[in-house]
Amino acid sequence: MADFELPTDGYTLLNAQVTVRPLKDQGFKVFLDARNLTDTEAREHASFLKDLAPLPGRNFRLGVAYSF
């Protein structure tokens, strides 16, 4: 640990992702991302804002994507 550096507690995040390709076109997908499902308070050790702003709590993203 460097001078003036404060310790940071460790953490484990539980994330999940589901992707569905409902069409024959493999470039089209619908996805659901679930992050930090256990709603753990986590802080990024390398961030100078770690004492002010923890990582996001439980959150979900639903989206549609197309790649070509």
N, C-alpha and C. Protein backbone atom coordinates (compact mmCIF):
# COMPACT_ATOMS: atom_id res chain seq x y z
N MET A 1 0.85 -1.17 0.00
CA MET A 1 0.00 0.00 0.00
C MET A 1 0.90 1.24 0.00
N ALA A 2 0.54 2.25 -0.78
CA ALA A 2 1.33 3.47 -0.89
C ALA A 2 1.06 4.41 0.29
N ASP A 3 1.93 5.38 0.45
CA ASP A 3 1.71 6.38 1.50
C ASP A 3 0.38 7.09 1.29
N PHE A 4 -0.33 7.35 2.36
CA PHE A 4 -1.62 8.06 2.36
C PHE A 4 -2.75 7.29 1.67
N GLU A 5 -2.52 6.04 1.33
CA GLU A 5 -3.55 5.23 0.68
C GLU A 5 -4.38 4.52 1.74
N LEU A 6 -5.69 4.58 1.61
CA LEU A 6 -6.59 3.92 2.56
C LEU A 6 -6.97 2.54 2.04
N PRO A 7 -7.16 1.57 2.92
CA PRO A 7 -7.54 0.23 2.47
C PRO A 7 -8.97 0.21 1.91
N THR A 8 -9.21 -0.75 1.05
CA THR A 8 -10.54 -0.92 0.45
C THR A 8 -10.98 -2.35 0.69
N ASP A 9 -12.21 -2.55 1.16
CA ASP A 9 -12.75 -3.89 1.38
C ASP A 9 -12.93 -4.60 0.03
N GLY A 10 -12.72 -5.90 0.04
CA GLY A 10 -12.96 -6.69 -1.16
C GLY A 10 -14.46 -6.91 -1.38
N TYR A 11 -14.83 -7.37 -2.56
CA TYR A 11 -16.24 -7.61 -2.86
C TYR A 11 -16.36 -8.63 -3.98
N THR A 12 -17.52 -9.25 -4.07
CA THR A 12 -17.86 -10.16 -5.16
C THR A 12 -19.20 -9.73 -5.72
N LEU A 13 -19.26 -9.53 -7.03
CA LEU A 13 -20.50 -9.14 -7.69
C LEU A 13 -21.09 -10.34 -8.43
N LEU A 14 -22.41 -10.46 -8.40
CA LEU A 14 -23.10 -11.51 -9.14
C LEU A 14 -23.81 -10.85 -10.32
N ASN A 15 -23.38 -11.19 -11.54
CA ASN A 15 -23.95 -10.64 -12.77
C ASN A 15 -24.52 -11.77 -13.60
N ALA A 16 -25.50 -11.47 -14.47
CA ALA A 16 -26.06 -12.46 -15.37
C ALA A 16 -26.46 -11.79 -16.68
N GLN A 17 -26.42 -12.56 -17.76
CA GLN A 17 -26.81 -12.02 -19.06
C GLN A 17 -27.56 -13.10 -19.83
N VAL A 18 -28.66 -12.69 -20.49
CA VAL A 18 -29.42 -13.58 -21.35
C VAL A 18 -29.56 -12.90 -22.70
N THR A 19 -29.25 -13.64 -23.76
CA THR A 19 -29.37 -13.12 -25.12
C THR A 19 -30.24 -14.07 -25.93
N VAL A 20 -31.18 -13.50 -26.68
CA VAL A 20 -32.08 -14.29 -27.53
C VAL A 20 -31.95 -13.77 -28.96
N ARG A 21 -31.86 -14.69 -29.90
CA ARG A 21 -31.83 -14.33 -31.32
C ARG A 21 -33.12 -14.88 -31.95
N PRO A 22 -34.21 -14.07 -31.92
CA PRO A 22 -35.52 -14.58 -32.31
C PRO A 22 -35.73 -14.75 -33.82
N LEU A 23 -34.86 -14.19 -34.64
CA LEU A 23 -35.02 -14.26 -36.09
C LEU A 23 -33.92 -15.11 -36.70
N LYS A 24 -34.13 -15.51 -37.95
CA LYS A 24 -33.08 -16.27 -38.64
C LYS A 24 -31.85 -15.40 -38.87
N ASP A 25 -32.03 -14.11 -38.92
CA ASP A 25 -30.92 -13.17 -39.10
C ASP A 25 -30.10 -13.15 -37.81
N GLN A 26 -28.90 -13.71 -37.82
CA GLN A 26 -28.08 -13.82 -36.62
C GLN A 26 -27.51 -12.49 -36.15
N GLY A 27 -27.67 -11.43 -36.93
CA GLY A 27 -27.19 -10.12 -36.52
C GLY A 27 -28.13 -9.42 -35.55
N PHE A 28 -29.35 -9.89 -35.42
CA PHE A 28 -30.36 -9.27 -34.56
C PHE A 28 -30.43 -10.02 -33.24
N LYS A 29 -30.41 -9.29 -32.13
CA LYS A 29 -30.52 -9.94 -30.82
C LYS A 29 -31.26 -9.05 -29.84
N VAL A 30 -31.89 -9.69 -28.86
CA VAL A 30 -32.55 -9.03 -27.74
C VAL A 30 -31.82 -9.54 -26.50
N PHE A 31 -31.45 -8.62 -25.61
CA PHE A 31 -30.66 -9.05 -24.45
C PHE A 31 -31.15 -8.41 -23.17
N LEU A 32 -30.87 -9.11 -22.06
CA LEU A 32 -31.15 -8.62 -20.71
C LEU A 32 -29.89 -8.83 -19.89
N ASP A 33 -29.36 -7.74 -19.35
CA ASP A 33 -28.20 -7.79 -18.45
C ASP A 33 -28.67 -7.47 -17.05
N ALA A 34 -28.24 -8.25 -16.10
CA ALA A 34 -28.53 -7.99 -14.68
C ALA A 34 -27.18 -7.90 -13.98
N ARG A 35 -26.94 -6.79 -13.30
CA ARG A 35 -25.65 -6.56 -12.66
C ARG A 35 -25.83 -6.33 -11.16
N ASN A 36 -24.87 -6.80 -10.41
CA ASN A 36 -24.86 -6.66 -8.95
C ASN A 36 -26.18 -7.12 -8.34
N LEU A 37 -26.57 -8.34 -8.68
CA LEU A 37 -27.87 -8.87 -8.24
C LEU A 37 -28.02 -8.95 -6.73
N THR A 38 -26.95 -9.08 -6.00
CA THR A 38 -27.03 -9.15 -4.54
C THR A 38 -26.99 -7.77 -3.90
N ASP A 39 -26.92 -6.72 -4.71
CA ASP A 39 -26.91 -5.33 -4.25
C ASP A 39 -25.79 -5.07 -3.23
N THR A 40 -24.60 -5.57 -3.56
CA THR A 40 -23.42 -5.42 -2.72
C THR A 40 -22.87 -4.01 -2.82
N GLU A 41 -22.47 -3.43 -1.69
CA GLU A 41 -21.79 -2.13 -1.74
C GLU A 41 -20.33 -2.40 -2.11
N ALA A 42 -19.91 -1.87 -3.24
CA ALA A 42 -18.56 -2.11 -3.75
C ALA A 42 -17.92 -0.78 -4.11
N ARG A 43 -16.63 -0.69 -3.84
CA ARG A 43 -15.88 0.54 -4.14
C ARG A 43 -14.63 0.18 -4.93
N GLU A 44 -14.36 0.92 -5.98
CA GLU A 44 -13.21 0.70 -6.85
C GLU A 44 -11.96 1.24 -6.17
N HIS A 45 -11.01 0.38 -5.87
CA HIS A 45 -9.83 0.77 -5.09
C HIS A 45 -9.02 1.88 -5.78
N ALA A 46 -8.91 1.84 -7.10
CA ALA A 46 -8.06 2.79 -7.82
C ALA A 46 -8.73 4.15 -8.02
N SER A 47 -9.99 4.29 -7.70
CA SER A 47 -10.71 5.54 -7.92
C SER A 47 -10.45 6.54 -6.79
N PHE A 48 -10.17 7.79 -7.15
CA PHE A 48 -10.00 8.81 -6.12
C PHE A 48 -11.35 9.24 -5.53
N LEU A 49 -12.46 8.77 -6.11
CA LEU A 49 -13.80 9.05 -5.60
C LEU A 49 -14.37 7.89 -4.78
N LYS A 50 -13.55 6.88 -4.48
CA LYS A 50 -14.08 5.67 -3.84
C LYS A 50 -14.78 5.93 -2.51
N ASP A 51 -14.35 6.94 -1.77
CA ASP A 51 -14.99 7.23 -0.49
C ASP A 51 -16.28 8.03 -0.66
N LEU A 52 -16.50 8.60 -1.84
CA LEU A 52 -17.70 9.40 -2.11
C LEU A 52 -18.75 8.65 -2.93
N ALA A 53 -18.30 7.83 -3.86
CA ALA A 53 -19.24 7.22 -4.80
C ALA A 53 -18.94 5.73 -4.99
N PRO A 54 -19.77 4.85 -4.43
CA PRO A 54 -19.58 3.42 -4.66
C PRO A 54 -20.00 3.04 -6.09
N LEU A 55 -19.69 1.82 -6.48
CA LEU A 55 -20.17 1.32 -7.77
C LEU A 55 -21.69 1.21 -7.72
N PRO A 56 -22.35 1.18 -8.89
CA PRO A 56 -23.82 1.10 -8.90
C PRO A 56 -24.34 -0.13 -8.17
N GLY A 57 -25.51 0.00 -7.58
CA GLY A 57 -26.18 -1.13 -6.93
C GLY A 57 -26.84 -2.01 -7.97
N ARG A 58 -27.81 -2.79 -7.55
CA ARG A 58 -28.52 -3.70 -8.46
C ARG A 58 -29.10 -2.90 -9.64
N ASN A 59 -28.85 -3.38 -10.86
CA ASN A 59 -29.39 -2.69 -12.02
C ASN A 59 -29.60 -3.67 -13.17
N PHE A 60 -30.50 -3.29 -14.07
CA PHE A 60 -30.89 -4.14 -15.20
C PHE A 60 -30.84 -3.32 -16.47
N ARG A 61 -30.48 -3.98 -17.58
CA ARG A 61 -30.52 -3.34 -18.89
C ARG A 61 -31.20 -4.30 -19.86
N LEU A 62 -32.17 -3.77 -20.59
CA LEU A 62 -32.87 -4.53 -21.62
C LEU A 62 -32.59 -3.82 -22.92
N GLY A 63 -32.19 -4.55 -23.95
CA GLY A 63 -31.84 -3.88 -25.18
C GLY A 63 -32.04 -4.74 -26.41
N VAL A 64 -31.96 -4.07 -27.54
CA VAL A 64 -32.03 -4.70 -28.85
C VAL A 64 -30.79 -4.25 -29.60
N ALA A 65 -30.15 -5.18 -30.27
CA ALA A 65 -28.94 -4.83 -31.02
C ALA A 65 -28.97 -5.51 -32.38
N TYR A 66 -28.34 -4.85 -33.33
CA TYR A 66 -28.20 -5.44 -34.67
C TYR A 66 -26.78 -5.15 -35.14
N SER A 67 -26.10 -6.18 -35.56
CA SER A 67 -24.76 -6.00 -36.11
C SER A 67 -24.74 -6.53 -37.54
N PHE A 68 -23.98 -5.85 -38.36
CA PHE A 68 -23.89 -6.25 -39.77
C PHE A 68 -22.48 -6.13 -40.27
